[in-house]
N, C-alpha and C. Protein backbone atom coordinates (compact mmCIF):
# COMPACT_ATOMS: atom_id res chain seq x y z
N MET A 1 -13.98 118.92 136.92
CA MET A 1 -15.10 118.45 137.72
C MET A 1 -15.91 119.61 138.22
N LEU A 2 -15.28 120.68 138.59
CA LEU A 2 -15.97 121.87 139.05
C LEU A 2 -16.85 122.44 137.93
N ASN A 3 -16.27 122.52 136.73
CA ASN A 3 -17.06 123.03 135.61
C ASN A 3 -18.32 122.18 135.38
N THR A 4 -18.22 120.88 135.47
CA THR A 4 -19.37 120.05 135.23
C THR A 4 -20.41 120.27 136.26
N LEU A 5 -19.95 120.39 137.53
CA LEU A 5 -21.00 120.63 138.64
C LEU A 5 -21.71 122.02 138.40
N ILE A 6 -20.99 123.02 138.09
CA ILE A 6 -21.59 124.38 137.80
C ILE A 6 -22.55 124.25 136.61
N LEU A 7 -22.08 123.57 135.55
CA LEU A 7 -23.04 123.48 134.40
C LEU A 7 -24.23 122.59 134.79
N ALA A 8 -24.08 121.66 135.64
CA ALA A 8 -25.29 120.91 136.02
C ALA A 8 -26.26 121.75 136.85
N TYR A 9 -25.75 122.58 137.76
CA TYR A 9 -26.63 123.43 138.52
C TYR A 9 -27.29 124.49 137.64
N ILE A 10 -26.53 125.14 136.70
CA ILE A 10 -27.10 126.19 135.90
C ILE A 10 -28.02 125.48 134.84
N GLY A 11 -27.72 124.32 134.37
CA GLY A 11 -28.56 123.67 133.32
C GLY A 11 -29.93 123.35 133.90
N SER A 12 -30.02 123.05 135.18
CA SER A 12 -31.32 122.72 135.79
C SER A 12 -32.27 123.93 135.80
N SER A 13 -31.70 125.09 135.72
CA SER A 13 -32.57 126.31 135.69
C SER A 13 -32.15 127.21 134.52
N LEU A 14 -31.93 126.59 133.39
CA LEU A 14 -31.45 127.35 132.25
C LEU A 14 -32.41 128.34 131.69
N SER A 15 -33.73 127.99 131.73
CA SER A 15 -34.73 128.82 131.10
C SER A 15 -34.81 130.16 131.99
N LEU A 16 -34.84 130.04 133.28
CA LEU A 16 -34.86 131.16 134.15
C LEU A 16 -33.64 132.08 133.89
N ILE A 17 -32.49 131.46 133.79
CA ILE A 17 -31.23 132.29 133.59
C ILE A 17 -31.29 132.96 132.19
N LEU A 18 -31.83 132.31 131.22
CA LEU A 18 -31.90 133.02 129.93
C LEU A 18 -32.84 134.20 129.98
N LEU A 19 -34.00 133.99 130.74
CA LEU A 19 -34.92 135.16 130.88
C LEU A 19 -34.31 136.28 131.67
N LEU A 20 -33.58 135.95 132.63
CA LEU A 20 -32.90 137.09 133.45
C LEU A 20 -31.83 137.72 132.65
N THR A 21 -31.11 136.98 131.82
CA THR A 21 -30.05 137.52 130.92
C THR A 21 -30.71 138.56 129.97
N ILE A 22 -31.83 138.24 129.40
CA ILE A 22 -32.46 139.04 128.46
C ILE A 22 -32.95 140.40 129.07
N HIS A 23 -33.44 140.33 130.32
CA HIS A 23 -33.95 141.55 130.93
C HIS A 23 -32.97 142.33 131.76
N THR A 24 -31.78 141.85 131.90
CA THR A 24 -30.74 142.49 132.68
C THR A 24 -30.00 143.44 131.77
N THR A 25 -29.62 144.60 132.27
CA THR A 25 -28.94 145.57 131.48
C THR A 25 -27.41 145.38 131.48
N SER A 26 -26.84 145.03 132.66
CA SER A 26 -25.40 144.84 132.72
C SER A 26 -25.06 143.56 133.36
N SER A 27 -23.82 143.14 133.18
CA SER A 27 -23.34 141.84 133.65
C SER A 27 -23.13 142.04 135.24
N LEU A 28 -22.74 143.16 135.70
CA LEU A 28 -22.62 143.39 137.06
C LEU A 28 -23.96 143.17 137.80
N GLU A 29 -24.94 143.68 137.25
CA GLU A 29 -26.35 143.49 137.77
C GLU A 29 -26.80 142.08 137.76
N PHE A 30 -26.46 141.40 136.66
CA PHE A 30 -26.85 139.94 136.55
C PHE A 30 -26.10 139.12 137.56
N PHE A 31 -24.79 139.32 137.78
CA PHE A 31 -24.01 138.53 138.81
C PHE A 31 -24.25 138.94 140.24
N SER A 32 -24.95 140.03 140.42
CA SER A 32 -25.31 140.46 141.87
C SER A 32 -26.75 140.00 142.24
N MET A 33 -27.44 139.28 141.30
CA MET A 33 -28.74 138.80 141.64
C MET A 33 -28.60 137.62 142.70
N GLU A 34 -29.58 137.57 143.58
CA GLU A 34 -29.53 136.56 144.62
C GLU A 34 -29.58 135.07 143.97
N PHE A 35 -30.34 134.94 142.99
CA PHE A 35 -30.58 133.62 142.38
C PHE A 35 -29.17 133.13 141.81
N ILE A 36 -28.40 133.97 141.17
CA ILE A 36 -27.17 133.53 140.53
C ILE A 36 -26.12 133.30 141.62
N ILE A 37 -26.13 134.05 142.62
CA ILE A 37 -25.16 133.84 143.75
C ILE A 37 -25.45 132.55 144.48
N VAL A 38 -26.74 132.27 144.64
CA VAL A 38 -27.08 131.08 145.35
C VAL A 38 -26.63 129.80 144.51
N GLU A 39 -26.87 129.89 143.23
CA GLU A 39 -26.47 128.77 142.33
C GLU A 39 -24.90 128.63 142.35
N PHE A 40 -24.19 129.74 142.39
CA PHE A 40 -22.75 129.57 142.46
C PHE A 40 -22.29 129.04 143.75
N LEU A 41 -22.88 129.47 144.86
CA LEU A 41 -22.50 128.95 146.19
C LEU A 41 -22.90 127.46 146.34
N ARG A 42 -23.98 127.03 145.70
CA ARG A 42 -24.30 125.61 145.71
C ARG A 42 -23.19 124.77 145.02
N ALA A 43 -22.76 125.23 143.87
CA ALA A 43 -21.79 124.55 143.08
C ALA A 43 -20.41 124.57 143.89
N LEU A 44 -20.14 125.64 144.55
CA LEU A 44 -18.88 125.70 145.31
C LEU A 44 -18.85 124.77 146.44
N VAL A 45 -19.89 124.76 147.27
CA VAL A 45 -20.04 123.82 148.38
C VAL A 45 -20.06 122.40 147.94
N GLY A 46 -20.77 122.13 146.91
CA GLY A 46 -20.79 120.78 146.40
C GLY A 46 -19.40 120.28 145.91
N SER A 47 -18.68 121.22 145.27
CA SER A 47 -17.38 120.83 144.84
C SER A 47 -16.42 120.55 146.10
N PHE A 48 -16.53 121.40 147.09
CA PHE A 48 -15.65 121.15 148.27
C PHE A 48 -16.08 119.81 148.94
N GLY A 49 -17.31 119.49 149.02
CA GLY A 49 -17.83 118.27 149.58
C GLY A 49 -17.25 117.00 148.78
N MET A 50 -17.33 117.12 147.47
CA MET A 50 -16.76 116.03 146.61
C MET A 50 -15.30 115.88 146.66
N LEU A 51 -14.59 117.02 146.78
CA LEU A 51 -13.14 117.03 146.83
C LEU A 51 -12.60 116.47 148.18
N LEU A 52 -13.38 116.82 149.26
CA LEU A 52 -12.88 116.41 150.63
C LEU A 52 -13.33 114.97 151.00
N THR A 53 -14.24 114.41 150.32
CA THR A 53 -14.82 113.15 150.73
C THR A 53 -13.70 112.00 150.72
N ILE A 54 -12.91 111.92 149.69
CA ILE A 54 -11.89 110.86 149.57
C ILE A 54 -10.80 111.03 150.65
N PRO A 55 -10.19 112.24 150.73
CA PRO A 55 -9.13 112.38 151.79
C PRO A 55 -9.75 112.14 153.16
N LEU A 56 -10.88 112.64 153.53
CA LEU A 56 -11.42 112.45 154.87
C LEU A 56 -11.67 111.00 155.16
N THR A 57 -12.21 110.31 154.16
CA THR A 57 -12.46 108.85 154.35
C THR A 57 -11.15 108.13 154.57
N ALA A 58 -10.19 108.43 153.72
CA ALA A 58 -8.91 107.73 153.92
C ALA A 58 -8.25 108.05 155.24
N GLY A 59 -8.40 109.26 155.76
CA GLY A 59 -7.84 109.60 156.96
C GLY A 59 -8.46 108.95 158.20
N ILE A 60 -9.84 108.92 158.09
CA ILE A 60 -10.61 108.22 159.19
C ILE A 60 -10.28 106.71 159.16
N CYS A 61 -10.20 106.11 158.04
CA CYS A 61 -9.89 104.66 157.93
C CYS A 61 -8.47 104.43 158.43
N GLY A 62 -7.56 105.25 158.09
CA GLY A 62 -6.14 105.09 158.64
C GLY A 62 -6.06 105.31 160.16
N TRP A 63 -6.82 106.23 160.67
CA TRP A 63 -6.85 106.42 162.10
C TRP A 63 -7.47 105.21 162.82
N LEU A 64 -8.57 104.64 162.26
CA LEU A 64 -9.14 103.49 162.90
C LEU A 64 -8.30 102.33 162.87
N TYR A 65 -7.58 102.15 161.77
CA TYR A 65 -6.65 101.01 161.57
C TYR A 65 -5.57 101.12 162.55
N SER A 66 -5.00 102.37 162.75
CA SER A 66 -3.86 102.52 163.63
C SER A 66 -4.23 102.27 165.05
N ARG A 67 -5.47 102.58 165.39
CA ARG A 67 -5.96 102.32 166.78
C ARG A 67 -6.00 100.88 166.99
N GLN A 68 -6.39 100.05 165.99
CA GLN A 68 -6.49 98.58 166.25
C GLN A 68 -5.06 98.02 166.33
N THR A 69 -4.14 98.44 165.54
CA THR A 69 -2.84 97.90 165.65
C THR A 69 -2.05 98.40 166.92
N ASP A 70 -2.34 99.58 167.39
CA ASP A 70 -1.78 100.06 168.65
C ASP A 70 -2.30 99.24 169.82
N ALA A 71 -3.55 98.81 169.74
CA ALA A 71 -4.13 98.05 170.89
C ALA A 71 -3.59 96.61 170.82
N GLY A 72 -2.90 96.21 169.77
CA GLY A 72 -2.40 94.90 169.76
C GLY A 72 -3.32 93.82 169.29
N GLU A 73 -4.35 94.21 168.66
CA GLU A 73 -5.35 93.27 168.20
C GLU A 73 -4.85 92.48 166.97
N TYR A 74 -4.11 93.14 166.15
CA TYR A 74 -3.64 92.56 164.87
C TYR A 74 -2.09 92.51 164.93
N ASP A 75 -1.54 91.63 165.61
CA ASP A 75 -0.03 91.52 165.50
C ASP A 75 0.29 90.05 164.83
N ASP A 76 1.58 89.78 164.76
CA ASP A 76 1.92 88.54 164.10
C ASP A 76 1.30 87.26 164.77
N ASP A 77 1.25 87.22 166.09
CA ASP A 77 0.69 86.11 166.83
C ASP A 77 -0.78 85.88 166.32
N TYR A 78 -1.51 87.01 166.26
CA TYR A 78 -2.89 86.90 165.84
C TYR A 78 -3.03 86.24 164.55
N PHE A 79 -2.23 86.64 163.53
CA PHE A 79 -2.38 86.07 162.27
C PHE A 79 -2.01 84.57 162.19
N GLU A 80 -0.96 84.20 163.02
CA GLU A 80 -0.66 82.82 163.12
C GLU A 80 -1.78 81.97 163.70
N GLN A 81 -2.36 82.49 164.83
CA GLN A 81 -3.39 81.78 165.45
C GLN A 81 -4.60 81.67 164.48
N LEU A 82 -4.80 82.70 163.74
CA LEU A 82 -5.92 82.66 162.79
C LEU A 82 -5.69 81.57 161.68
N GLN A 83 -4.50 81.46 161.20
CA GLN A 83 -4.12 80.40 160.26
C GLN A 83 -4.32 79.10 160.87
N GLN A 84 -3.84 78.90 162.03
CA GLN A 84 -3.99 77.55 162.75
C GLN A 84 -5.44 77.22 162.92
N ARG A 85 -6.19 78.17 163.38
CA ARG A 85 -7.66 77.89 163.54
C ARG A 85 -8.33 77.52 162.20
N LYS A 86 -8.00 78.22 161.08
CA LYS A 86 -8.53 77.83 159.82
C LYS A 86 -8.15 76.46 159.36
N ALA A 87 -6.85 76.06 159.59
CA ALA A 87 -6.41 74.75 159.23
C ALA A 87 -7.19 73.69 160.05
N GLN A 88 -7.41 73.91 161.29
CA GLN A 88 -8.12 72.98 162.20
C GLN A 88 -9.58 72.86 161.66
N GLU A 89 -10.20 73.93 161.25
CA GLU A 89 -11.53 73.89 160.71
C GLU A 89 -11.59 73.11 159.42
N ARG A 90 -10.52 73.30 158.53
CA ARG A 90 -10.48 72.56 157.31
C ARG A 90 -10.43 71.01 157.57
N GLU A 91 -9.55 70.62 158.50
CA GLU A 91 -9.40 69.28 158.90
C GLU A 91 -10.66 68.68 159.43
N GLN A 92 -11.38 69.46 160.19
CA GLN A 92 -12.64 68.99 160.79
C GLN A 92 -13.68 68.77 159.68
N ARG A 93 -13.75 69.76 158.73
CA ARG A 93 -14.71 69.50 157.60
C ARG A 93 -14.32 68.32 156.69
N GLN A 94 -13.07 68.02 156.51
CA GLN A 94 -12.62 66.93 155.68
C GLN A 94 -12.99 65.63 156.39
N LYS A 95 -12.75 65.53 157.72
CA LYS A 95 -13.14 64.36 158.48
C LYS A 95 -14.65 64.11 158.49
N LYS A 96 -15.37 65.25 158.53
CA LYS A 96 -16.83 65.12 158.52
C LYS A 96 -17.26 64.62 157.10
N LYS A 97 -16.72 65.08 156.05
CA LYS A 97 -16.97 64.58 154.71
C LYS A 97 -16.68 63.15 154.58
N GLN A 98 -15.53 62.79 155.01
CA GLN A 98 -15.18 61.35 154.95
C GLN A 98 -16.05 60.49 155.74
N GLY A 99 -16.55 60.92 156.86
CA GLY A 99 -17.51 60.20 157.73
C GLY A 99 -18.77 60.04 156.99
N GLU A 100 -19.25 61.10 156.27
CA GLU A 100 -20.50 60.98 155.58
C GLU A 100 -20.43 60.10 154.36
N THR A 101 -19.32 60.03 153.70
CA THR A 101 -19.15 59.13 152.49
C THR A 101 -18.99 57.74 152.89
N ALA A 102 -18.43 57.46 154.06
CA ALA A 102 -18.16 56.10 154.57
C ALA A 102 -19.48 55.39 154.93
N THR A 103 -20.48 56.14 155.49
CA THR A 103 -21.72 55.47 155.91
C THR A 103 -22.76 55.51 154.77
N PRO A 104 -23.24 54.41 154.31
CA PRO A 104 -24.27 54.46 153.25
C PRO A 104 -25.59 54.80 153.85
N VAL A 105 -26.38 55.43 153.05
CA VAL A 105 -27.67 55.83 153.51
C VAL A 105 -28.77 54.94 153.02
């Protein structure tokens, strides 16, 4: 993945890099140019960002979830009450449908 990112950054400015390569006398001089160093640092920072996105997101989500369960919002009683509420709502909908079909329009 890092290689792909570096190639994408370098590929966007390939003509300038080829021109610099032709006019540069040594590879040390080429790699010490500001333009090349900036492209390398962009690729490096972008790679760190992509690599840290998933672990940071998972850690934040885990922390938020643990805060909710510590507060007691989501315990076994909560889920039982939720199921009972859904069952009551289903029964009310069924009664409403039966009432609508029983009365002709």
